[in-house]
Amino acid sequence: MKEYLITFHTHYDSLVCMRAVNKTDNAKTGELTAKLVPVPRSVSSSCGTALKLIFKEGLAFDKDYFSQFDYDAFYFLSEDGKYVEV
């Protein structure tokens, strides 16, 4: 599985994005899981809400899909357990 984290400027923006992602076919079939989580301290010292995306193997991450949302940054969870900005 591949895990990504998207940070946003506001809680509202993260909620709008999560709702849209959960309406996609990939989410409905279980190939993609999206849930709101607190922003990890390793990513930002400010509090906030992030969207965690978990992709099953074989499903590609399409950053262009998220251009319609007002996000702050994208992160990939590396093999050593650290978030790396994409």
PDB file of N, CA and C in Angstrom:
ATOM      1  N   MET A   1       0.832  -1.182   0.000  1.00  0.00           N
ATOM      2  CA  MET A   1       0.000   0.000   0.000  1.00  0.00           C
ATOM      3  C   MET A   1       0.874   1.243   0.000  1.00  0.00           C
ATOM      4  N   LYS A   2       0.370   2.277  -0.615  1.00  0.00           N
ATOM      5  CA  LYS A   2       1.060   3.565  -0.644  1.00  0.00           C
ATOM      6  C   LYS A   2       0.244   4.549   0.171  1.00  0.00           C
ATOM      7  N   GLU A   3       0.938   5.361   0.950  1.00  0.00           N
ATOM      8  CA  GLU A   3       0.235   6.323   1.800  1.00  0.00           C
ATOM      9  C   GLU A   3       0.701   7.739   1.489  1.00  0.00           C
ATOM     10  N   TYR A   4      -0.261   8.629   1.315  1.00  0.00           N
ATOM     11  CA  TYR A   4       0.006  10.042   1.068  1.00  0.00           C
ATOM     12  C   TYR A   4      -0.722  10.873   2.112  1.00  0.00           C
ATOM     13  N   LEU A   5      -0.229  12.076   2.315  1.00  0.00           N
ATOM     14  CA  LEU A   5      -0.846  13.013   3.242  1.00  0.00           C
ATOM     15  C   LEU A   5      -0.958  14.350   2.522  1.00  0.00           C
ATOM     16  N   ILE A   6      -2.119  14.963   2.595  1.00  0.00           N
ATOM     17  CA  ILE A   6      -2.322  16.278   1.987  1.00  0.00           C
ATOM     18  C   ILE A   6      -2.679  17.242   3.103  1.00  0.00           C
ATOM     19  N   THR A   7      -1.950  18.355   3.177  1.00  0.00           N
ATOM     20  CA  THR A   7      -2.269  19.383   4.165  1.00  0.00           C
ATOM     21  C   THR A   7      -3.036  20.506   3.474  1.00  0.00           C
ATOM     22  N   PHE A   8      -3.825  21.205   4.271  1.00  0.00           N
ATOM     23  CA  PHE A   8      -4.702  22.250   3.748  1.00  0.00           C
ATOM     24  C   PHE A   8      -4.556  23.517   4.581  1.00  0.00           C
ATOM     25  N   HIS A   9      -5.027  24.620   4.028  1.00  0.00           N
ATOM     26  CA  HIS A   9      -4.992  25.897   4.740  1.00  0.00           C
ATOM     27  C   HIS A   9      -6.091  25.978   5.795  1.00  0.00           C
ATOM     28  N   THR A  10      -7.215  25.284   5.555  1.00  0.00           N
ATOM     29  CA  THR A  10      -8.336  25.332   6.500  1.00  0.00           C
ATOM     30  C   THR A  10      -8.924  23.935   6.690  1.00  0.00           C
ATOM     31  N   HIS A  11      -9.614  23.751   7.808  1.00  0.00           N
ATOM     32  CA  HIS A  11     -10.308  22.487   8.063  1.00  0.00           C
ATOM     33  C   HIS A  11     -11.381  22.253   7.004  1.00  0.00           C
ATOM     34  N   TYR A  12     -12.056  23.319   6.612  1.00  0.00           N
ATOM     35  CA  TYR A  12     -13.123  23.218   5.617  1.00  0.00           C
ATOM     36  C   TYR A  12     -12.596  22.639   4.302  1.00  0.00           C
ATOM     37  N   ASP A  13     -11.434  23.125   3.844  1.00  0.00           N
ATOM     38  CA  ASP A  13     -10.865  22.633   2.586  1.00  0.00           C
ATOM     39  C   ASP A  13     -10.551  21.140   2.659  1.00  0.00           C
ATOM     40  N   SER A  14     -10.063  20.687   3.803  1.00  0.00           N
ATOM     41  CA  SER A  14      -9.759  19.257   3.946  1.00  0.00           C
ATOM     42  C   SER A  14     -11.037  18.423   3.905  1.00  0.00           C
ATOM     43  N   LEU A  15     -12.095  18.926   4.497  1.00  0.00           N
ATOM     44  CA  LEU A  15     -13.374  18.222   4.503  1.00  0.00           C
ATOM     45  C   LEU A  15     -13.973  18.145   3.099  1.00  0.00           C
ATOM     46  N   VAL A  16     -13.916  19.238   2.361  1.00  0.00           N
ATOM     47  CA  VAL A  16     -14.427  19.262   0.983  1.00  0.00           C
ATOM     48  C   VAL A  16     -13.677  18.245   0.126  1.00  0.00           C
ATOM     49  N   CYS A  17     -12.369  18.202   0.259  1.00  0.00           N
ATOM     50  CA  CYS A  17     -11.555  17.273  -0.523  1.00  0.00           C
ATOM     51  C   CYS A  17     -11.878  15.827  -0.148  1.00  0.00           C
ATOM     52  N   MET A  18     -11.979  15.536   1.148  1.00  0.00           N
ATOM     53  CA  MET A  18     -12.279  14.171   1.581  1.00  0.00           C
ATOM     54  C   MET A  18     -13.624  13.704   1.027  1.00  0.00           C
ATOM     55  N   ARG A  19     -14.612  14.548   1.080  1.00  0.00           N
ATOM     56  CA  ARG A  19     -15.936  14.173   0.566  1.00  0.00           C
ATOM     57  C   ARG A  19     -15.883  13.866  -0.927  1.00  0.00           C
ATOM     58  N   ALA A  20     -15.142  14.670  -1.680  1.00  0.00           N
ATOM     59  CA  ALA A  20     -15.026  14.448  -3.123  1.00  0.00           C
ATOM     60  C   ALA A  20     -14.280  13.149  -3.420  1.00  0.00           C
ATOM     61  N   VAL A  21     -13.191  12.909  -2.707  1.00  0.00           N
ATOM     62  CA  VAL A  21     -12.411  11.685  -2.925  1.00  0.00           C
ATOM     63  C   VAL A  21     -13.255  10.457  -2.601  1.00  0.00           C
ATOM     64  N   ASN A  22     -14.016  10.519  -1.528  1.00  0.00           N
ATOM     65  CA  ASN A  22     -14.830   9.366  -1.126  1.00  0.00           C
ATOM     66  C   ASN A  22     -15.973   9.070  -2.092  1.00  0.00           C
ATOM     67  N   LYS A  23     -16.260   9.993  -3.007  1.00  0.00           N
ATOM     68  CA  LYS A  23     -17.287   9.762  -4.026  1.00  0.00           C
ATOM     69  C   LYS A  23     -16.713   9.132  -5.298  1.00  0.00           C
ATOM     70  N   THR A  24     -15.389   9.012  -5.395  1.00  0.00           N
ATOM     71  CA  THR A  24     -14.769   8.446  -6.595  1.00  0.00           C
ATOM     72  C   THR A  24     -14.990   6.939  -6.647  1.00  0.00           C
ATOM     73  N   ASP A  25     -14.888   6.392  -7.849  1.00  0.00           N
ATOM     74  CA  ASP A  25     -15.056   4.946  -8.026  1.00  0.00           C
ATOM     75  C   ASP A  25     -14.006   4.163  -7.249  1.00  0.00           C
ATOM     76  N   ASN A  26     -12.770   4.660  -7.223  1.00  0.00           N
ATOM     77  CA  ASN A  26     -11.704   3.955  -6.504  1.00  0.00           C
ATOM     78  C   ASN A  26     -12.000   3.853  -5.014  1.00  0.00           C
ATOM     79  N   ALA A  27     -12.581   4.881  -4.446  1.00  0.00           N
ATOM     80  CA  ALA A  27     -12.934   4.840  -3.025  1.00  0.00           C
ATOM     81  C   ALA A  27     -14.113   3.899  -2.792  1.00  0.00           C
ATOM     82  N   LYS A  28     -15.057   3.910  -3.696  1.00  0.00           N
ATOM     83  CA  LYS A  28     -16.237   3.050  -3.543  1.00  0.00           C
ATOM     84  C   LYS A  28     -15.891   1.569  -3.641  1.00  0.00           C
ATOM     85  N   THR A  29     -14.852   1.234  -4.425  1.00  0.00           N
ATOM     86  CA  THR A  29     -14.443  -0.166  -4.563  1.00  0.00           C
ATOM     87  C   THR A  29     -13.419  -0.575  -3.506  1.00  0.00           C
ATOM     88  N   GLY A  30     -12.980   0.360  -2.685  1.00  0.00           N
ATOM     89  CA  GLY A  30     -12.036   0.038  -1.621  1.00  0.00           C
ATOM     90  C   GLY A  30     -10.576   0.087  -2.025  1.00  0.00           C
ATOM     91  N   GLU A  31     -10.290   0.504  -3.257  1.00  0.00           N
ATOM     92  CA  GLU A  31      -8.903   0.603  -3.707  1.00  0.00           C
ATOM     93  C   GLU A  31      -8.202   1.826  -3.124  1.00  0.00           C
ATOM     94  N   LEU A  32      -8.993   2.778  -2.670  1.00  0.00           N
ATOM     95  CA  LEU A  32      -8.483   4.025  -2.106  1.00  0.00           C
ATOM     96  C   LEU A  32      -9.257   4.330  -0.831  1.00  0.00           C
ATOM     97  N   THR A  33      -8.517   4.631   0.232  1.00  0.00           N
ATOM     98  CA  THR A  33      -9.132   5.022   1.494  1.00  0.00           C
ATOM     99  C   THR A  33      -8.714   6.451   1.797  1.00  0.00           C
ATOM    100  N   ALA A  34      -9.672   7.284   2.173  1.00  0.00           N
ATOM    101  CA  ALA A  34      -9.386   8.680   2.512  1.00  0.00           C
ATOM    102  C   ALA A  34     -10.007   8.988   3.863  1.00  0.00           C
ATOM    103  N   LYS A  35      -9.195   9.554   4.769  1.00  0.00           N
ATOM    104  CA  LYS A  35      -9.741   9.945   6.070  1.00  0.00           C
ATOM    105  C   LYS A  35      -8.997  11.155   6.610  1.00  0.00           C
ATOM    106  N   LEU A  36      -9.703  11.929   7.420  1.00  0.00           N
ATOM    107  CA  LEU A  36      -9.110  13.110   8.035  1.00  0.00           C
ATOM    108  C   LEU A  36      -8.316  12.704   9.265  1.00  0.00           C
ATOM    109  N   VAL A  37      -7.124  13.296   9.397  1.00  0.00           N
ATOM    110  CA  VAL A  37      -6.247  13.028  10.536  1.00  0.00           C
ATOM    111  C   VAL A  37      -5.611  14.341  10.979  1.00  0.00           C
ATOM    112  N   PRO A  38      -5.148  14.422  12.226  1.00  0.00           N
ATOM    113  CA  PRO A  38      -4.391  15.608  12.639  1.00  0.00           C
ATOM    114  C   PRO A  38      -3.074  15.670  11.858  1.00  0.00           C
ATOM    115  N   VAL A  39      -2.618  16.870  11.568  1.00  0.00           N
ATOM    116  CA  VAL A  39      -1.339  17.025  10.867  1.00  0.00           C
ATOM    117  C   VAL A  39      -0.225  16.555  11.804  1.00  0.00           C
ATOM    118  N   PRO A  40       0.608  15.600  11.369  1.00  0.00           N
ATOM    119  CA  PRO A  40       1.697  15.119  12.225  1.00  0.00           C
ATOM    120  C   PRO A  40       2.705  16.229  12.538  1.00  0.00           C
ATOM    121  N   ARG A  41       3.268  16.204  13.721  1.00  0.00           N
ATOM    122  CA  ARG A  41       4.271  17.205  14.127  1.00  0.00           C
ATOM    123  C   ARG A  41       5.490  17.187  13.212  1.00  0.00           C
ATOM    124  N   SER A  42       5.800  16.038  12.643  1.00  0.00           N
ATOM    125  CA  SER A  42       6.953  15.952  11.742  1.00  0.00           C
ATOM    126  C   SER A  42       6.721  16.718  10.444  1.00  0.00           C
ATOM    127  N   VAL A  43       5.463  17.025  10.138  1.00  0.00           N
ATOM    128  CA  VAL A  43       5.116  17.755   8.918  1.00  0.00           C
ATOM    129  C   VAL A  43       4.972  19.243   9.196  1.00  0.00           C
ATOM    130  N   SER A  44       4.295  19.590  10.301  1.00  0.00           N
ATOM    131  CA  SER A  44       4.066  20.993  10.642  1.00  0.00           C
ATOM    132  C   SER A  44       3.882  21.133  12.143  1.00  0.00           C
ATOM    133  N   SER A  45       4.390  22.222  12.693  1.00  0.00           N
ATOM    134  CA  SER A  45       4.236  22.458  14.130  1.00  0.00           C
ATOM    135  C   SER A  45       2.888  23.091  14.456  1.00  0.00           C
ATOM    136  N   SER A  46       2.206  23.601  13.435  1.00  0.00           N
ATOM    137  CA  SER A  46       0.885  24.179  13.683  1.00  0.00           C
ATOM    138  C   SER A  46      -0.164  23.070  13.677  1.00  0.00           C
ATOM    139  N   CYS A  47      -1.231  23.305  14.403  1.00  0.00           N
ATOM    140  CA  CYS A  47      -2.285  22.288  14.420  1.00  0.00           C
ATOM    141  C   CYS A  47      -3.132  22.443  13.169  1.00  0.00           C
ATOM    142  N   GLY A  48      -3.773  21.389  12.783  1.00  0.00           N
ATOM    143  CA  GLY A  48      -4.615  21.428  11.603  1.00  0.00           C
ATOM    144  C   GLY A  48      -5.069  20.039  11.230  1.00  0.00           C
ATOM    145  N   THR A  49      -5.797  19.977  10.137  1.00  0.00           N
ATOM    146  CA  THR A  49      -6.340  18.714   9.662  1.00  0.00           C
ATOM    147  C   THR A  49      -5.725  18.383   8.312  1.00  0.00           C
ATOM    148  N   ALA A  50      -5.344  17.130   8.153  1.00  0.00           N
ATOM    149  CA  ALA A  50      -4.784  16.652   6.897  1.00  0.00           C
ATOM    150  C   ALA A  50      -5.661  15.519   6.379  1.00  0.00           C
ATOM    151  N   LEU A  51      -5.517  15.224   5.113  1.00  0.00           N
ATOM    152  CA  LEU A  51      -6.226  14.106   4.504  1.00  0.00           C
ATOM    153  C   LEU A  51      -5.216  13.002   4.243  1.00  0.00           C
ATOM    154  N   LYS A  52      -5.442  11.849   4.853  1.00  0.00           N
ATOM    155  CA  LYS A  52      -4.577  10.691   4.631  1.00  0.00           C
ATOM    156  C   LYS A  52      -5.208   9.847   3.535  1.00  0.00           C
ATOM    157  N   LEU A  53      -4.421   9.545   2.505  1.00  0.00           N
ATOM    158  CA  LEU A  53      -4.870   8.714   1.394  1.00  0.00           C
ATOM    159  C   LEU A  53      -4.072   7.425   1.399  1.00  0.00           C
ATOM    160  N   ILE A  54      -4.752   6.300   1.385  1.00  0.00           N
ATOM    161  CA  ILE A  54      -4.087   5.004   1.332  1.00  0.00           C
ATOM    162  C   ILE A  54      -4.535   4.312   0.049  1.00  0.00           C
ATOM    163  N   PHE A  55      -3.556   4.052  -0.828  1.00  0.00           N
ATOM    164  CA  PHE A  55      -3.810   3.426  -2.120  1.00  0.00           C
ATOM    165  C   PHE A  55      -3.404   1.962  -2.066  1.00  0.00           C
ATOM    166  N   LYS A  56      -4.230   1.094  -2.615  1.00  0.00           N
ATOM    167  CA  LYS A  56      -3.839  -0.302  -2.756  1.00  0.00           C
ATOM    168  C   LYS A  56      -2.797  -0.388  -3.865  1.00  0.00           C
ATOM    169  N   GLU A  57      -1.990  -1.447  -3.823  1.00  0.00           N
ATOM    170  CA  GLU A  57      -0.953  -1.645  -4.840  1.00  0.00           C
ATOM    171  C   GLU A  57      -1.563  -1.629  -6.237  1.00  0.00           C
ATOM    172  N   GLY A  58      -0.856  -1.001  -7.153  1.00  0.00           N
ATOM    173  CA  GLY A  58      -1.296  -0.943  -8.538  1.00  0.00           C
ATOM    174  C   GLY A  58      -2.111   0.290  -8.881  1.00  0.00           C
ATOM    175  N   LEU A  59      -2.579   1.002  -7.872  1.00  0.00           N
ATOM    176  CA  LEU A  59      -3.356   2.216  -8.114  1.00  0.00           C
ATOM    177  C   LEU A  59      -2.411   3.411  -8.072  1.00  0.00           C
ATOM    178  N   ALA A  60      -2.408   4.203  -9.121  1.00  0.00           N
ATOM    179  CA  ALA A  60      -1.476   5.329  -9.229  1.00  0.00           C
ATOM    180  C   ALA A  60      -2.045   6.586  -8.578  1.00  0.00           C
ATOM    181  N   PHE A  61      -1.166   7.369  -7.991  1.00  0.00           N
ATOM    182  CA  PHE A  61      -1.525   8.646  -7.386  1.00  0.00           C
ATOM    183  C   PHE A  61      -1.538   9.703  -8.480  1.00  0.00           C
ATOM    184  N   ASP A  62      -2.642  10.416  -8.633  1.00  0.00           N
ATOM    185  CA  ASP A  62      -2.788  11.440  -9.668  1.00  0.00           C
ATOM    186  C   ASP A  62      -2.879  12.812  -9.004  1.00  0.00           C
ATOM    187  N   LYS A  63      -1.746  13.487  -8.891  1.00  0.00           N
ATOM    188  CA  LYS A  63      -1.711  14.790  -8.227  1.00  0.00           C
ATOM    189  C   LYS A  63      -2.573  15.820  -8.955  1.00  0.00           C
ATOM    190  N   ASP A  64      -2.712  15.683 -10.266  1.00  0.00           N
ATOM    191  CA  ASP A  64      -3.507  16.631 -11.051  1.00  0.00           C
ATOM    192  C   ASP A  64      -4.975  16.651 -10.620  1.00  0.00           C
ATOM    193  N   TYR A  65      -5.486  15.509 -10.163  1.00  0.00           N
ATOM    194  CA  TYR A  65      -6.879  15.454  -9.704  1.00  0.00           C
ATOM    195  C   TYR A  65      -7.120  16.464  -8.588  1.00  0.00           C
ATOM    196  N   PHE A  66      -6.115  16.677  -7.747  1.00  0.00           N
ATOM    197  CA  PHE A  66      -6.272  17.528  -6.573  1.00  0.00           C
ATOM    198  C   PHE A  66      -6.072  19.015  -6.865  1.00  0.00           C
ATOM    199  N   SER A  67      -5.792  19.376  -8.111  1.00  0.00           N
ATOM    200  CA  SER A  67      -5.611  20.789  -8.457  1.00  0.00           C
ATOM    201  C   SER A  67      -6.904  21.587  -8.279  1.00  0.00           C
ATOM    202  N   GLN A  68      -8.027  20.904  -8.231  1.00  0.00           N
ATOM    203  CA  GLN A  68      -9.314  21.584  -8.036  1.00  0.00           C
ATOM    204  C   GLN A  68      -9.553  21.985  -6.581  1.00  0.00           C
ATOM    205  N   PHE A  69      -8.688  21.541  -5.674  1.00  0.00           N
ATOM    206  CA  PHE A  69      -8.845  21.830  -4.248  1.00  0.00           C
ATOM    207  C   PHE A  69      -7.772  22.804  -3.776  1.00  0.00           C
ATOM    208  N   ASP A  70      -8.077  23.541  -2.724  1.00  0.00           N
ATOM    209  CA  ASP A  70      -7.134  24.515  -2.165  1.00  0.00           C
ATOM    210  C   ASP A  70      -6.288  23.834  -1.090  1.00  0.00           C
ATOM    211  N   TYR A  71      -5.265  23.107  -1.526  1.00  0.00           N
ATOM    212  CA  TYR A  71      -4.399  22.390  -0.594  1.00  0.00           C
ATOM    213  C   TYR A  71      -3.111  23.162  -0.346  1.00  0.00           C
ATOM    214  N   ASP A  72      -2.398  22.748   0.686  1.00  0.00           N
ATOM    215  CA  ASP A  72      -1.126  23.381   1.027  1.00  0.00           C
ATOM    216  C   ASP A  72       0.041  22.590   0.441  1.00  0.00           C
ATOM    217  N   ALA A  73       0.132  21.292   0.780  1.00  0.00           N
ATOM    218  CA  ALA A  73       1.251  20.472   0.313  1.00  0.00           C
ATOM    219  C   ALA A  73       0.869  18.995   0.300  1.00  0.00           C
ATOM    220  N   PHE A  74       1.648  18.207  -0.479  1.00  0.00           N
ATOM    221  CA  PHE A  74       1.496  16.756  -0.556  1.00  0.00           C
ATOM    222  C   PHE A  74       2.714  16.096   0.066  1.00  0.00           C
ATOM    223  N   TYR A  75       2.488  14.989   0.749  1.00  0.00           N
ATOM    224  CA  TYR A  75       3.579  14.223   1.352  1.00  0.00           C
ATOM    225  C   TYR A  75       3.370  12.748   1.053  1.00  0.00           C
ATOM    226  N   PHE A  76       4.481  12.041   0.893  1.00  0.00           N
ATOM    227  CA  PHE A  76       4.484  10.599   0.682  1.00  0.00           C
ATOM    228  C   PHE A  76       5.115   9.957   1.905  1.00  0.00           C
ATOM    229  N   LEU A  77       4.548   8.873   2.395  1.00  0.00           N
ATOM    230  CA  LEU A  77       5.131   8.163   3.528  1.00  0.00           C
ATOM    231  C   LEU A  77       6.198   7.225   2.990  1.00  0.00           C
ATOM    232  N   SER A  78       7.460   7.530   3.311  1.00  0.00           N
ATOM    233  CA  SER A  78       8.576   6.733   2.810  1.00  0.00           C
ATOM    234  C   SER A  78       8.688   5.420   3.584  1.00  0.00           C
ATOM    235  N   GLU A  79       9.554   4.540   3.102  1.00  0.00           N
ATOM    236  CA  GLU A  79       9.730   3.231   3.733  1.00  0.00           C
ATOM    237  C   GLU A  79      10.268   3.331   5.152  1.00  0.00           C
ATOM    238  N   ASP A  80      10.980   4.417   5.456  1.00  0.00           N
ATOM    239  CA  ASP A  80      11.516   4.580   6.816  1.00  0.00           C
ATOM    240  C   ASP A  80      10.522   5.271   7.754  1.00  0.00           C
ATOM    241  N   GLY A  81       9.283   5.465   7.287  1.00  0.00           N
ATOM    242  CA  GLY A  81       8.226   6.005   8.137  1.00  0.00           C
ATOM    243  C   GLY A  81       8.189   7.515   8.249  1.00  0.00           C
ATOM    244  N   LYS A  82       8.910   8.210   7.368  1.00  0.00           N
ATOM    245  CA  LYS A  82       8.925   9.675   7.395  1.00  0.00           C
ATOM    246  C   LYS A  82       8.140  10.217   6.208  1.00  0.00           C
ATOM    247  N   TYR A  83       7.459  11.341   6.438  1.00  0.00           N
ATOM    248  CA  TYR A  83       6.730  11.991   5.354  1.00  0.00           C
ATOM    249  C   TYR A  83       7.690  12.866   4.555  1.00  0.00           C
ATOM    250  N   VAL A  84       7.677  12.678   3.240  1.00  0.00           N
ATOM    251  CA  VAL A  84       8.539  13.415   2.325  1.00  0.00           C
ATOM    252  C   VAL A  84       7.645  14.217   1.392  1.00  0.00           C
ATOM    253  N   GLU A  85       7.910  15.522   1.277  1.00  0.00           N
ATOM    254  CA  GLU A  85       7.078  16.355   0.407  1.00  0.00           C
ATOM    255  C   GLU A  85       7.259  15.951  -1.048  1.00  0.00           C
ATOM    256  N   VAL A  86       6.133  15.874  -1.755  1.00  0.00           N
ATOM    257  CA  VAL A  86       6.134  15.463  -3.169  1.00  0.00           C
ATOM    258  C   VAL A  86       6.215  16.702  -4.027  1.00  0.00           C
TER     259      VAL A  86
END
